[in-house]
């Protein structure tokens, strides 16, 4: 009898010990819900505005530049160069400069050139050589276009020559031109070429039609009847 009671007490003690150990193990282990990992974010559902570089949608991706026809602004600019005459300039030689043109009150016209020192002028029909002179600035070699003035002169140009500098005239009427040399301050001189009054008017351009295709492309005056009246239409 006593042995039976002792055996029952031992079994009860073992059951209690086992139950307390299981409770302690359950308390130490976290719940299964806590161990479960958080679900990974779907890259396809990511917000492209938050991080465009990691977004998987087309909206978040950077757009590649497209090639379109037109002008390119990446071209390297041309290096500006200095204009140099064909032959070396003499610092002590006279310089021909400031070619000019003007209309006079009586209808005649005049062309002139300034020379820093006195030189000999050799005149031909429509050219005037300044012996020993030189042109040191490129802008002075640009042509003086006078075709829209009432003058027999169409254009005049100062250019370097083998003997020095030369003033060349291009006439549109057969007229006799006269030249004269006038002393200027500082030992310089002025060459004047006088032209008579033109036989007809060249400044009237009423037949000029800028809206036509041929005029825009060539800049030529269209043929037609010219009227003496100028100004806006009434």
C-alpha atoms as a PDB file:
ATOM      1  CA  UNK A   1       0.000   0.000   0.000  1.00  0.00           C
ATOM      2  CA  UNK A   2       2.740   2.392   0.969  1.00  0.00           C
ATOM      3  CA  UNK A   3       4.703   1.371  -2.127  1.00  0.00           C
ATOM      4  CA  UNK A   4       1.700   2.156  -4.321  1.00  0.00           C
ATOM      5  CA  UNK A   5       1.291   5.621  -2.814  1.00  0.00           C
ATOM      6  CA  UNK A   6       5.005   6.309  -3.221  1.00  0.00           C
ATOM      7  CA  UNK A   7       4.810   5.332  -6.881  1.00  0.00           C
ATOM      8  CA  UNK A   8       1.819   7.607  -7.456  1.00  0.00           C
ATOM      9  CA  UNK A   9       3.567  10.554  -5.826  1.00  0.00           C
ATOM     10  CA  UNK A  10       6.666  10.005  -7.960  1.00  0.00           C
ATOM     11  CA  UNK A  11       4.535   9.933 -11.132  1.00  0.00           C
ATOM     12  CA  UNK A  12       2.724  13.099 -10.087  1.00  0.00           C
ATOM     13  CA  UNK A  13       6.003  14.834  -9.441  1.00  0.00           C
ATOM     14  CA  UNK A  14       7.269  13.799 -12.863  1.00  0.00           C
ATOM     15  CA  UNK A  15       4.072  15.068 -14.514  1.00  0.00           C
ATOM     16  CA  UNK A  16       4.345  18.425 -12.749  1.00  0.00           C
ATOM     17  CA  UNK A  17       8.021  18.741 -13.636  1.00  0.00           C
ATOM     18  CA  UNK A  18       7.298  17.919 -17.272  1.00  0.00           C
ATOM     19  CA  UNK A  19       4.420  20.409 -17.453  1.00  0.00           C
ATOM     20  CA  UNK A  20       6.469  23.230 -15.924  1.00  0.00           C
ATOM     21  CA  UNK A  21       9.371  22.565 -18.326  1.00  0.00           C
ATOM     22  CA  UNK A  22       6.997  22.646 -21.326  1.00  0.00           C
ATOM     23  CA  UNK A  23       5.484  25.905 -20.134  1.00  0.00           C
ATOM     24  CA  UNK A  24       8.928  27.440 -19.734  1.00  0.00           C
ATOM     25  CA  UNK A  25       9.899  26.278 -23.273  1.00  0.00           C
ATOM     26  CA  UNK A  26       6.710  27.778 -24.734  1.00  0.00           C
ATOM     27  CA  UNK A  27       7.353  31.039 -22.930  1.00  0.00           C
ATOM     28  CA  UNK A  28      10.946  31.203 -24.252  1.00  0.00           C
ATOM     29  CA  UNK A  29      10.009  30.522 -27.882  1.00  0.00           C
ATOM     30  CA  UNK A  30       8.400  33.508 -29.776  1.00  0.00           C
ATOM     31  CA  UNK A  31       5.070  32.987 -31.403  1.00  0.00           C
ATOM     32  CA  UNK A  32       4.934  31.620 -34.888  1.00  0.00           C
ATOM     33  CA  UNK A  33       3.394  34.858 -36.157  1.00  0.00           C
ATOM     34  CA  UNK A  34       6.399  36.852 -34.929  1.00  0.00           C
ATOM     35  CA  UNK A  35       8.873  34.527 -36.657  1.00  0.00           C
ATOM     36  CA  UNK A  36       7.162  34.901 -40.005  1.00  0.00           C
ATOM     37  CA  UNK A  37       9.131  37.200 -42.288  1.00  0.00           C
ATOM     38  CA  UNK A  38       7.511  40.303 -43.697  1.00  0.00           C
ATOM     39  CA  UNK A  39       6.459  39.910 -47.337  1.00  0.00           C
ATOM     40  CA  UNK A  40       8.928  41.357 -49.859  1.00  0.00           C
ATOM     41  CA  UNK A  41       7.886  44.461 -51.791  1.00  0.00           C
ATOM     42  CA  UNK A  42       6.915  43.912 -55.402  1.00  0.00           C
ATOM     43  CA  UNK A  43       9.251  46.014 -57.603  1.00  0.00           C
ATOM     44  CA  UNK A  44       6.535  46.336 -60.234  1.00  0.00           C
ATOM     45  CA  UNK A  45       4.325  48.152 -57.701  1.00  0.00           C
ATOM     46  CA  UNK A  46       7.045  50.546 -56.516  1.00  0.00           C
ATOM     47  CA  UNK A  47       6.402  54.268 -56.792  1.00  0.00           C
ATOM     48  CA  UNK A  48       8.567  55.623 -59.659  1.00  0.00           C
ATOM     49  CA  UNK A  49       8.481  59.126 -58.186  1.00  0.00           C
ATOM     50  CA  UNK A  50      10.037  57.936 -54.923  1.00  0.00           C
ATOM     51  CA  UNK A  51      13.099  56.389 -56.606  1.00  0.00           C
ATOM     52  CA  UNK A  52      13.100  56.545 -60.425  1.00  0.00           C
ATOM     53  CA  UNK A  53      16.413  54.672 -60.696  1.00  0.00           C
ATOM     54  CA  UNK A  54      14.998  51.560 -58.922  1.00  0.00           C
ATOM     55  CA  UNK A  55      11.470  51.617 -60.277  1.00  0.00           C
ATOM     56  CA  UNK A  56      10.539  48.866 -62.694  1.00  0.00           C
ATOM     57  CA  UNK A  57       7.874  50.720 -64.663  1.00  0.00           C
ATOM     58  CA  UNK A  58       8.517  52.544 -67.936  1.00  0.00           C
ATOM     59  CA  UNK A  59       7.487  55.802 -66.316  1.00  0.00           C
ATOM     60  CA  UNK A  60      10.335  55.585 -63.802  1.00  0.00           C
ATOM     61  CA  UNK A  61      13.011  54.760 -66.374  1.00  0.00           C
ATOM     62  CA  UNK A  62      15.102  57.578 -67.863  1.00  0.00           C
ATOM     63  CA  UNK A  63      14.181  58.412 -71.421  1.00  0.00           C
ATOM     64  CA  UNK A  64      17.002  58.200 -73.934  1.00  0.00           C
ATOM     65  CA  UNK A  65      17.596  61.300 -76.084  1.00  0.00           C
ATOM     66  CA  UNK A  66      16.172  61.059 -79.563  1.00  0.00           C
ATOM     67  CA  UNK A  67      17.978  62.094 -82.735  1.00  0.00           C
ATOM     68  CA  UNK A  68      16.108  64.835 -84.592  1.00  0.00           C
ATOM     69  CA  UNK A  69      17.214  66.712 -87.712  1.00  0.00           C
ATOM     70  CA  UNK A  70      18.267  70.327 -87.401  1.00  0.00           C
ATOM     71  CA  UNK A  71      21.181  72.479 -86.369  1.00  0.00           C
ATOM     72  CA  UNK A  72      23.761  71.189 -83.931  1.00  0.00           C
ATOM     73  CA  UNK A  73      24.921  73.482 -81.163  1.00  0.00           C
ATOM     74  CA  UNK A  74      27.847  71.270 -80.207  1.00  0.00           C
ATOM     75  CA  UNK A  75      30.034  72.245 -83.145  1.00  0.00           C
ATOM     76  CA  UNK A  76      33.284  73.858 -82.186  1.00  0.00           C
ATOM     77  CA  UNK A  77      33.377  77.540 -83.174  1.00  0.00           C
ATOM     78  CA  UNK A  78      35.833  78.488 -85.868  1.00  0.00           C
ATOM     79  CA  UNK A  79      38.954  80.159 -84.638  1.00  0.00           C
ATOM     80  CA  UNK A  80      38.985  83.829 -85.625  1.00  0.00           C
ATOM     81  CA  UNK A  81      41.968  84.655 -87.792  1.00  0.00           C
ATOM     82  CA  UNK A  82      43.643  87.952 -88.501  1.00  0.00           C
ATOM     83  CA  UNK A  83      43.531  89.276 -92.027  1.00  0.00           C
ATOM     84  CA  UNK A  84      46.956  89.671 -93.526  1.00  0.00           C
ATOM     85  CA  UNK A  85      47.766  91.236 -96.881  1.00  0.00           C
ATOM     86  CA  UNK A  86      49.591  89.232 -99.499  1.00  0.00           C
ATOM     87  CA  UNK A  87      52.799  91.136 -98.970  1.00  0.00           C
ATOM     88  CA  UNK A  88      54.369  92.315 -95.748  1.00  0.00           C
ATOM     89  CA  UNK A  89      53.452  95.831 -94.704  1.00  0.00           C
ATOM     90  CA  UNK A  90      56.071  98.562 -94.451  1.00  0.00           C
ATOM     91  CA  UNK A  91      55.531 100.565 -91.233  1.00  0.00           C
ATOM     92  CA  UNK A  92      57.003 103.680 -92.897  1.00  0.00           C
ATOM     93  CA  UNK A  93      54.977 103.467 -96.126  1.00  0.00           C
ATOM     94  CA  UNK A  94      51.807 105.594 -96.687  1.00  0.00           C
ATOM     95  CA  UNK A  95      48.480 103.930 -95.955  1.00  0.00           C
ATOM     96  CA  UNK A  96      45.342 104.292 -98.073  1.00  0.00           C
ATOM     97  CA  UNK A  97      42.197 104.221 -95.947  1.00  0.00           C
ATOM     98  CA  UNK A  98      38.604 105.387 -95.467  1.00  0.00           C
ATOM     99  CA  UNK A  99      37.186 105.106 -99.006  1.00  0.00           C
ATOM    100  CA  UNK A 100      33.854 106.946 -99.147  1.00  0.00           C
ATOM    101  CA  UNK A 101      30.981 108.069-101.386  1.00  0.00           C
ATOM    102  CA  UNK A 102      28.430 110.870-101.286  1.00  0.00           C
ATOM    103  CA  UNK A 103      25.776 112.550-103.406  1.00  0.00           C
ATOM    104  CA  UNK A 104      26.001 116.309-103.999  1.00  0.00           C
ATOM    105  CA  UNK A 105      23.184 118.857-104.157  1.00  0.00           C
ATOM    106  CA  UNK A 106      23.451 119.387-107.917  1.00  0.00           C
ATOM    107  CA  UNK A 107      22.959 115.670-108.648  1.00  0.00           C
ATOM    108  CA  UNK A 108      26.628 114.859-109.141  1.00  0.00           C
ATOM    109  CA  UNK A 109      28.476 112.373-106.915  1.00  0.00           C
ATOM    110  CA  UNK A 110      31.928 111.984-105.444  1.00  0.00           C
ATOM    111  CA  UNK A 111      34.282 109.213-104.303  1.00  0.00           C
ATOM    112  CA  UNK A 112      37.311 109.795-102.123  1.00  0.00           C
ATOM    113  CA  UNK A 113      40.247 108.026-100.457  1.00  0.00           C
ATOM    114  CA  UNK A 114      42.466 109.291 -97.651  1.00  0.00           C
ATOM    115  CA  UNK A 115      46.222 108.593 -97.777  1.00  0.00           C
ATOM    116  CA  UNK A 116      48.431 109.209 -94.747  1.00  0.00           C
ATOM    117  CA  UNK A 117      51.322 110.522 -96.892  1.00  0.00           C
ATOM    118  CA  UNK A 118      51.578 112.152-100.282  1.00  0.00           C
ATOM    119  CA  UNK A 119      51.923 109.719-103.186  1.00  0.00           C
ATOM    120  CA  UNK A 120      51.808 109.892-106.955  1.00  0.00           C
ATOM    121  CA  UNK A 121      48.438 109.078-108.569  1.00  0.00           C
ATOM    122  CA  UNK A 122      48.335 107.332-111.939  1.00  0.00           C
ATOM    123  CA  UNK A 123      44.892 107.687-113.529  1.00  0.00           C
ATOM    124  CA  UNK A 124      43.357 105.430-116.153  1.00  0.00           C
ATOM    125  CA  UNK A 125      39.804 105.295-117.496  1.00  0.00           C
ATOM    126  CA  UNK A 126      38.159 103.831-114.390  1.00  0.00           C
ATOM    127  CA  UNK A 127      41.113 103.016-112.105  1.00  0.00           C
ATOM    128  CA  UNK A 128      43.436 105.180-110.042  1.00  0.00           C
ATOM    129  CA  UNK A 129      46.744 103.795-108.778  1.00  0.00           C
ATOM    130  CA  UNK A 130      48.247 105.177-105.563  1.00  0.00           C
ATOM    131  CA  UNK A 131      51.909 104.419-106.120  1.00  0.00           C
ATOM    132  CA  UNK A 132      53.676 103.164-102.991  1.00  0.00           C
ATOM    133  CA  UNK A 133      50.546 103.181-100.812  1.00  0.00           C
ATOM    134  CA  UNK A 134      49.311 100.133 -98.946  1.00  0.00           C
ATOM    135  CA  UNK A 135      46.040  98.923 -97.422  1.00  0.00           C
ATOM    136  CA  UNK A 136      46.432  97.662 -93.865  1.00  0.00           C
ATOM    137  CA  UNK A 137      42.795  96.981 -92.879  1.00  0.00           C
ATOM    138  CA  UNK A 138      40.609  94.420 -94.604  1.00  0.00           C
ATOM    139  CA  UNK A 139      37.416  96.432 -94.088  1.00  0.00           C
ATOM    140  CA  UNK A 140      38.839  99.169 -96.337  1.00  0.00           C
ATOM    141  CA  UNK A 141      38.860  96.691 -99.238  1.00  0.00           C
ATOM    142  CA  UNK A 142      35.073  96.134 -99.111  1.00  0.00           C
ATOM    143  CA  UNK A 143      33.226  97.445-102.148  1.00  0.00           C
ATOM    144  CA  UNK A 144      31.167 100.635-101.928  1.00  0.00           C
ATOM    145  CA  UNK A 145      27.857  99.598-103.523  1.00  0.00           C
ATOM    146  CA  UNK A 146      26.055 102.647-104.964  1.00  0.00           C
ATOM    147  CA  UNK A 147      23.602 101.049-107.401  1.00  0.00           C
ATOM    148  CA  UNK A 148      20.548 102.405-105.531  1.00  0.00           C
ATOM    149  CA  UNK A 149      21.719 106.008-105.854  1.00  0.00           C
ATOM    150  CA  UNK A 150      21.150 108.280-108.849  1.00  0.00           C
ATOM    151  CA  UNK A 151      24.780 108.126-109.943  1.00  0.00           C
ATOM    152  CA  UNK A 152      26.623 106.672-112.947  1.00  0.00           C
ATOM    153  CA  UNK A 153      28.721 104.712-110.431  1.00  0.00           C
ATOM    154  CA  UNK A 154      27.631 101.152-109.629  1.00  0.00           C
ATOM    155  CA  UNK A 155      30.390 100.365-107.145  1.00  0.00           C
ATOM    156  CA  UNK A 156      33.920 101.378-106.133  1.00  0.00           C
ATOM    157  CA  UNK A 157      36.596  99.316-104.440  1.00  0.00           C
ATOM    158  CA  UNK A 158      39.999 100.001-102.912  1.00  0.00           C
ATOM    159  CA  UNK A 159      42.370  97.045-103.163  1.00  0.00           C
ATOM    160  CA  UNK A 160      46.093  96.263-102.907  1.00  0.00           C
ATOM    161  CA  UNK A 161      48.062  96.435-106.112  1.00  0.00           C
ATOM    162  CA  UNK A 162      51.524  95.370-107.279  1.00  0.00           C
ATOM    163  CA  UNK A 163      52.654  99.015-107.311  1.00  0.00           C
ATOM    164  CA  UNK A 164      50.787  99.988-104.126  1.00  0.00           C
ATOM    165  CA  UNK A 165      47.006 100.510-103.808  1.00  0.00           C
ATOM    166  CA  UNK A 166      44.379 100.963-106.506  1.00  0.00           C
ATOM    167  CA  UNK A 167      40.879 102.448-106.540  1.00  0.00           C
ATOM    168  CA  UNK A 168      38.720 100.754-109.187  1.00  0.00           C
ATOM    169  CA  UNK A 169      35.364 102.165-110.372  1.00  0.00           C
ATOM    170  CA  UNK A 170      32.564 100.190-112.008  1.00  0.00           C
ATOM    171  CA  UNK A 171      30.358 102.477-114.113  1.00  0.00           C
ATOM    172  CA  UNK A 172      26.929 101.824-115.588  1.00  0.00           C
ATOM    173  CA  UNK A 173      26.955 104.862-117.874  1.00  0.00           C
ATOM    174  CA  UNK A 174      29.553 106.051-120.319  1.00  0.00           C
ATOM    175  CA  UNK A 175      30.715 109.236-118.579  1.00  0.00           C
ATOM    176  CA  UNK A 176      34.001 111.081-118.122  1.00  0.00           C
ATOM    177  CA  UNK A 177      35.245 111.145-114.531  1.00  0.00           C
ATOM    178  CA  UNK A 178      37.700 113.661-113.114  1.00  0.00           C
ATOM    179  CA  UNK A 179      40.090 113.277-110.205  1.00  0.00           C
ATOM    180  CA  UNK A 180      41.968 115.754-108.049  1.00  0.00           C
ATOM    181  CA  UNK A 181      44.427 115.575-105.162  1.00  0.00           C
ATOM    182  CA  UNK A 182      43.975 117.843-102.135  1.00  0.00           C
ATOM    183  CA  UNK A 183      46.474 118.316 -99.304  1.00  0.00           C
ATOM    184  CA  UNK A 184      45.212 117.236 -95.873  1.00  0.00           C
ATOM    185  CA  UNK A 185      46.474 117.939 -92.315  1.00  0.00           C
ATOM    186  CA  UNK A 186      49.603 116.167 -91.044  1.00  0.00           C
ATOM    187  CA  UNK A 187      51.203 115.775 -94.463  1.00  0.00           C
ATOM    188  CA  UNK A 188      48.392 113.493 -95.687  1.00  0.00           C
ATOM    189  CA  UNK A 189      46.342 113.812 -98.864  1.00  0.00           C
ATOM    190  CA  UNK A 190      42.831 113.223-100.209  1.00  0.00           C
ATOM    191  CA  UNK A 191      42.042 111.755-103.623  1.00  0.00           C
ATOM    192  CA  UNK A 192      38.666 112.907-104.950  1.00  0.00           C
ATOM    193  CA  UNK A 193      36.929 111.454-108.025  1.00  0.00           C
ATOM    194  CA  UNK A 194      34.043 113.590-109.328  1.00  0.00           C
ATOM    195  CA  UNK A 195      31.242 112.017-111.372  1.00  0.00           C
ATOM    196  CA  UNK A 196      28.611 113.982-113.349  1.00  0.00           C
ATOM    197  CA  UNK A 197      24.877 113.768-112.866  1.00  0.00           C
ATOM    198  CA  UNK A 198      23.301 110.492-113.948  1.00  0.00           C
ATOM    199  CA  UNK A 199      21.318 110.415-117.177  1.00  0.00           C
ATOM    200  CA  UNK A 200      18.435 108.495-115.562  1.00  0.00           C
ATOM    201  CA  UNK A 201      17.117 107.646-112.133  1.00  0.00           C
ATOM    202  CA  UNK A 202      18.259 104.471-110.386  1.00  0.00           C
ATOM    203  CA  UNK A 203      16.789 105.016-106.936  1.00  0.00           C
ATOM    204  CA  UNK A 204      13.121 104.354-107.904  1.00  0.00           C
ATOM    205  CA  UNK A 205      12.259 100.776-106.955  1.00  0.00           C
ATOM    206  CA  UNK A 206       8.438 100.644-107.154  1.00  0.00           C
ATOM    207  CA  UNK A 207       8.608  97.433-109.172  1.00  0.00           C
ATOM    208  CA  UNK A 208      10.432  95.670-106.348  1.00  0.00           C
ATOM    209  CA  UNK A 209       8.204  92.803-105.118  1.00  0.00           C
ATOM    210  CA  UNK A 210       9.680  91.163-101.990  1.00  0.00           C
ATOM    211  CA  UNK A 211       6.814  88.648-101.769  1.00  0.00           C
ATOM    212  CA  UNK A 212       7.809  86.817-104.933  1.00  0.00           C
ATOM    213  CA  UNK A 213       9.989  83.743-104.749  1.00  0.00           C
ATOM    214  CA  UNK A 214      12.509  84.889-107.376  1.00  0.00           C
ATOM    215  CA  UNK A 215      13.146  88.184-105.580  1.00  0.00           C
ATOM    216  CA  UNK A 216      13.661  86.541-102.195  1.00  0.00           C
ATOM    217  CA  UNK A 217      16.209  84.090-103.566  1.00  0.00           C
ATOM    218  CA  UNK A 218      18.183  86.356-105.902  1.00  0.00           C
ATOM    219  CA  UNK A 219      17.547  89.886-104.628  1.00  0.00           C
ATOM    220  CA  UNK A 220      17.234  91.133-108.227  1.00  0.00           C
ATOM    221  CA  UNK A 221      14.821  93.842-109.294  1.00  0.00           C
ATOM    222  CA  UNK A 222      11.942  92.442-111.295  1.00  0.00           C
ATOM    223  CA  UNK A 223      11.412  93.879-114.792  1.00  0.00           C
ATOM    224  CA  UNK A 224       8.425  96.131-115.192  1.00  0.00           C
ATOM    225  CA  UNK A 225       7.240  99.655-115.653  1.00  0.00           C
ATOM    226  CA  UNK A 226       8.628 102.130-113.143  1.00  0.00           C
ATOM    227  CA  UNK A 227       6.531 104.978-111.926  1.00  0.00           C
ATOM    228  CA  UNK A 228       7.923 108.284-110.760  1.00  0.00           C
ATOM    229  CA  UNK A 229       5.694 108.263-107.694  1.00  0.00           C
ATOM    230  CA  UNK A 230       7.156 106.853-104.490  1.00  0.00           C
ATOM    231  CA  UNK A 231       5.855 106.297-100.985  1.00  0.00           C
ATOM    232  CA  UNK A 232       2.861 104.471 -99.492  1.00  0.00           C
ATOM    233  CA  UNK A 233      -0.283 103.894-101.499  1.00  0.00           C
ATOM    234  CA  UNK A 234      -3.260 106.193-100.677  1.00  0.00           C
END
